[in-house]
């Protein structure tokens, strides 16, 4: 599959409505190429608090689960972020998100053999892997990842997941490398 000018291969957004339970499981994305996109591979979940990113983008507080999702053999070119996991979707203030962790758990996600180049939008960061609590994400794996900015950087913001399972160059999320 070849995609040009998209928001990426996205799971979500999920957890937007407090009265709904969202489940997504057993997803395999393989042999995909993303060009000129805001994201490459992405999972986006709302926090457990009302968030208002814009007049038409409001929500939070829903529950459910994302399980057994694999992104494999992907090529990226001119994307803003190569990989994204966020449980703070719709919330500009991640600290507020961490005070109200998502009620939607993310488990058994694998990014494998993902390669390519990001643009300058979030340089020097190439990916954003942030869960709202260590209790809401488990078994997030990144293997054989080679995503770089056009300047060669390969930094990834990581929080609240087991970094021993991430074959990426994690940096402290609080250094100001948060997504817009």
Protein backbone atom coordinates (compact mmCIF):
# COMPACT_ATOMS: atom_id res chain seq x y z
CA UNK A 1 0.00 0.00 0.00
CA UNK A 2 1.30 3.47 -0.87
CA UNK A 3 -0.18 6.54 0.85
CA UNK A 4 0.57 10.17 0.02
CA UNK A 5 -0.52 13.22 2.03
CA UNK A 6 -2.40 11.43 4.82
CA UNK A 7 -2.57 11.46 8.61
CA UNK A 8 -0.81 8.10 8.63
CA UNK A 9 -1.82 4.51 9.29
CA UNK A 10 -3.87 5.40 12.35
CA UNK A 11 -5.64 3.37 15.00
CA UNK A 12 -8.04 5.83 16.61
CA UNK A 13 -8.89 8.20 17.84
CA UNK A 14 -10.37 6.12 20.66
CA UNK A 15 -11.74 6.98 24.09
CA UNK A 16 -13.31 10.24 22.94
CA UNK A 17 -16.77 9.65 24.42
CA UNK A 18 -17.26 8.80 28.14
CA UNK A 19 -20.34 6.67 27.46
CA UNK A 20 -18.63 4.44 24.88
CA UNK A 21 -16.22 1.53 25.09
CA UNK A 22 -13.82 1.21 22.14
CA UNK A 23 -11.98 -2.01 21.25
CA UNK A 24 -9.47 -2.46 18.44
CA UNK A 25 -7.50 -5.69 18.19
CA UNK A 26 -5.63 -7.96 15.81
CA UNK A 27 -4.42 -5.38 13.29
CA UNK A 28 -1.50 -6.01 10.93
CA UNK A 29 -0.13 -3.26 8.70
CA UNK A 30 2.60 -4.67 6.44
CA UNK A 31 4.48 -3.38 3.40
CA UNK A 32 3.13 0.16 3.54
CA UNK A 33 4.83 3.31 2.28
CA UNK A 34 3.90 6.74 3.65
CA UNK A 35 4.87 9.89 1.74
CA UNK A 36 4.30 13.55 2.67
CA UNK A 37 2.19 12.64 5.70
CA UNK A 38 1.73 13.97 9.21
CA UNK A 39 2.37 10.49 10.67
CA UNK A 40 3.69 7.12 9.66
CA UNK A 41 2.29 4.56 12.12
CA UNK A 42 0.02 5.99 14.83
CA UNK A 43 -2.18 4.97 17.75
CA UNK A 44 -4.13 7.84 19.29
CA UNK A 45 -6.22 7.66 22.44
CA UNK A 46 -7.96 10.36 24.48
CA UNK A 47 -7.13 10.94 28.17
CA UNK A 48 -9.62 10.43 31.01
CA UNK A 49 -10.46 14.12 31.15
CA UNK A 50 -12.37 16.52 28.97
CA UNK A 51 -10.10 18.06 26.35
CA UNK A 52 -10.88 20.73 23.81
CA UNK A 53 -8.33 21.04 21.05
CA UNK A 54 -10.70 23.02 18.84
CA UNK A 55 -14.41 23.70 18.53
CA UNK A 56 -14.89 20.50 16.53
CA UNK A 57 -12.31 18.34 18.37
CA UNK A 58 -13.47 17.74 21.94
CA UNK A 59 -13.78 14.69 24.13
CA UNK A 60 -12.08 12.32 26.53
CA UNK A 61 -13.05 9.88 29.25
CA UNK A 62 -13.94 6.84 27.17
CA UNK A 63 -12.66 3.36 27.94
CA UNK A 64 -11.65 0.19 26.14
CA UNK A 65 -8.52 -1.41 24.75
CA UNK A 66 -6.10 -1.58 21.84
CA UNK A 67 -4.48 -5.04 21.59
CA UNK A 68 -2.25 -6.94 19.22
CA UNK A 69 -1.36 -4.28 16.67
CA UNK A 70 1.69 -4.71 14.41
CA UNK A 71 3.21 -2.25 11.98
CA UNK A 72 5.82 -4.09 9.91
CA UNK A 73 8.02 -3.42 6.88
CA UNK A 74 7.10 0.23 6.45
CA UNK A 75 8.88 2.92 4.46
CA UNK A 76 8.44 6.61 5.38
CA UNK A 77 9.45 9.75 3.51
CA UNK A 78 8.75 13.35 4.52
CA UNK A 79 6.50 12.55 7.49
CA UNK A 80 6.23 14.72 10.63
CA UNK A 81 6.50 11.75 13.03
CA UNK A 82 7.48 8.24 11.99
CA UNK A 83 5.89 6.45 14.96
CA UNK A 84 3.31 7.76 17.41
CA UNK A 85 1.57 6.34 20.44
CA UNK A 86 -0.33 8.90 22.46
CA UNK A 87 -2.92 8.59 25.20
CA UNK A 88 -3.06 12.38 25.35
CA UNK A 89 -4.84 12.98 22.05
CA UNK A 90 -6.73 16.26 22.03
CA UNK A 91 -4.86 17.52 25.10
CA UNK A 92 -2.23 20.17 24.46
CA UNK A 93 -1.00 20.07 28.08
CA UNK A 94 0.50 16.60 28.57
CA UNK A 95 0.99 17.24 32.30
CA UNK A 96 -2.79 17.61 32.60
CA UNK A 97 -3.13 14.35 30.69
CA UNK A 98 -0.81 12.54 33.11
CA UNK A 99 -3.01 13.70 36.00
CA UNK A 100 -5.99 11.98 34.30
CA UNK A 101 -4.62 8.79 32.70
CA UNK A 102 -6.57 7.22 29.89
CA UNK A 103 -9.11 4.50 30.70
CA UNK A 104 -8.20 2.83 27.41
CA UNK A 105 -5.31 0.34 27.68
CA UNK A 106 -2.78 -0.25 24.92
CA UNK A 107 -1.08 -3.67 24.94
CA UNK A 108 0.96 -5.87 22.61
CA UNK A 109 1.93 -3.31 19.98
CA UNK A 110 4.92 -3.96 17.72
CA UNK A 111 6.70 -1.64 15.31
CA UNK A 112 9.12 -3.77 13.25
CA UNK A 113 11.41 -2.87 10.36
CA UNK A 114 10.21 0.70 9.95
CA UNK A 115 12.60 2.91 7.98
CA UNK A 116 12.71 6.29 6.40
CA UNK A 117 12.96 10.02 6.83
CA UNK A 118 11.01 12.67 8.69
CA UNK A 119 10.79 16.32 7.75
CA UNK A 120 11.72 19.34 9.89
CA UNK A 121 8.39 19.79 11.71
CA UNK A 122 9.50 18.14 15.00
CA UNK A 123 13.24 17.88 14.32
CA UNK A 124 15.34 16.51 15.99
CA UNK A 125 12.53 14.17 17.11
CA UNK A 126 11.39 11.41 14.72
CA UNK A 127 8.81 9.63 16.90
CA UNK A 128 6.60 10.18 19.96
CA UNK A 129 5.82 7.17 22.19
CA UNK A 130 3.98 8.50 25.25
CA UNK A 131 1.43 6.76 27.46
CA UNK A 132 -0.51 8.65 30.12
CA UNK A 133 0.49 6.15 32.84
CA UNK A 134 2.75 3.10 33.11
CA UNK A 135 -0.38 1.17 34.10
CA UNK A 136 -2.16 1.82 30.79
CA UNK A 137 0.47 0.57 28.32
CA UNK A 138 2.32 -2.73 28.24
CA UNK A 139 4.42 -4.76 25.86
CA UNK A 140 5.08 -1.92 23.41
CA UNK A 141 7.94 -3.15 21.20
CA UNK A 142 10.05 -1.34 18.60
CA UNK A 143 12.50 -3.54 16.64
CA UNK A 144 14.78 -2.73 13.74
CA UNK A 145 13.76 0.92 13.54
CA UNK A 146 15.79 3.32 11.38
CA UNK A 147 13.94 6.61 11.09
CA UNK A 148 15.97 9.81 10.81
CA UNK A 149 15.42 13.49 10.23
CA UNK A 150 16.82 14.97 7.06
CA UNK A 151 19.76 16.07 9.27
CA UNK A 152 20.38 12.52 10.52
CA UNK A 153 18.90 12.77 14.04
CA UNK A 154 16.93 9.81 15.39
CA UNK A 155 15.60 10.96 18.79
CA UNK A 156 12.30 9.60 20.16
CA UNK A 157 10.27 11.01 23.04
CA UNK A 158 9.35 8.12 25.35
CA UNK A 159 7.32 8.03 28.57
CA UNK A 160 5.50 5.44 30.68
CA UNK A 161 6.53 2.34 28.77
CA UNK A 162 9.29 -0.24 29.13
CA UNK A 163 12.20 1.34 27.26
CA UNK A 164 14.07 -2.00 27.31
CA UNK A 165 11.59 -3.14 24.64
CA UNK A 166 12.22 -0.10 22.44
CA UNK A 167 15.06 -0.30 19.91
CA UNK A 168 15.02 3.49 19.52
CA UNK A 169 16.98 6.43 20.94
CA UNK A 170 14.61 7.55 23.75
CA UNK A 171 15.01 11.05 25.18
CA UNK A 172 13.32 12.76 28.10
CA UNK A 173 9.85 13.79 26.91
CA UNK A 174 9.91 16.91 29.12
CA UNK A 175 12.64 18.63 27.13
CA UNK A 176 10.06 20.44 25.04
CA UNK A 177 9.74 17.89 22.25
CA UNK A 178 5.99 17.47 22.62
CA UNK A 179 3.70 17.22 19.58
CA UNK A 180 1.57 20.17 18.62
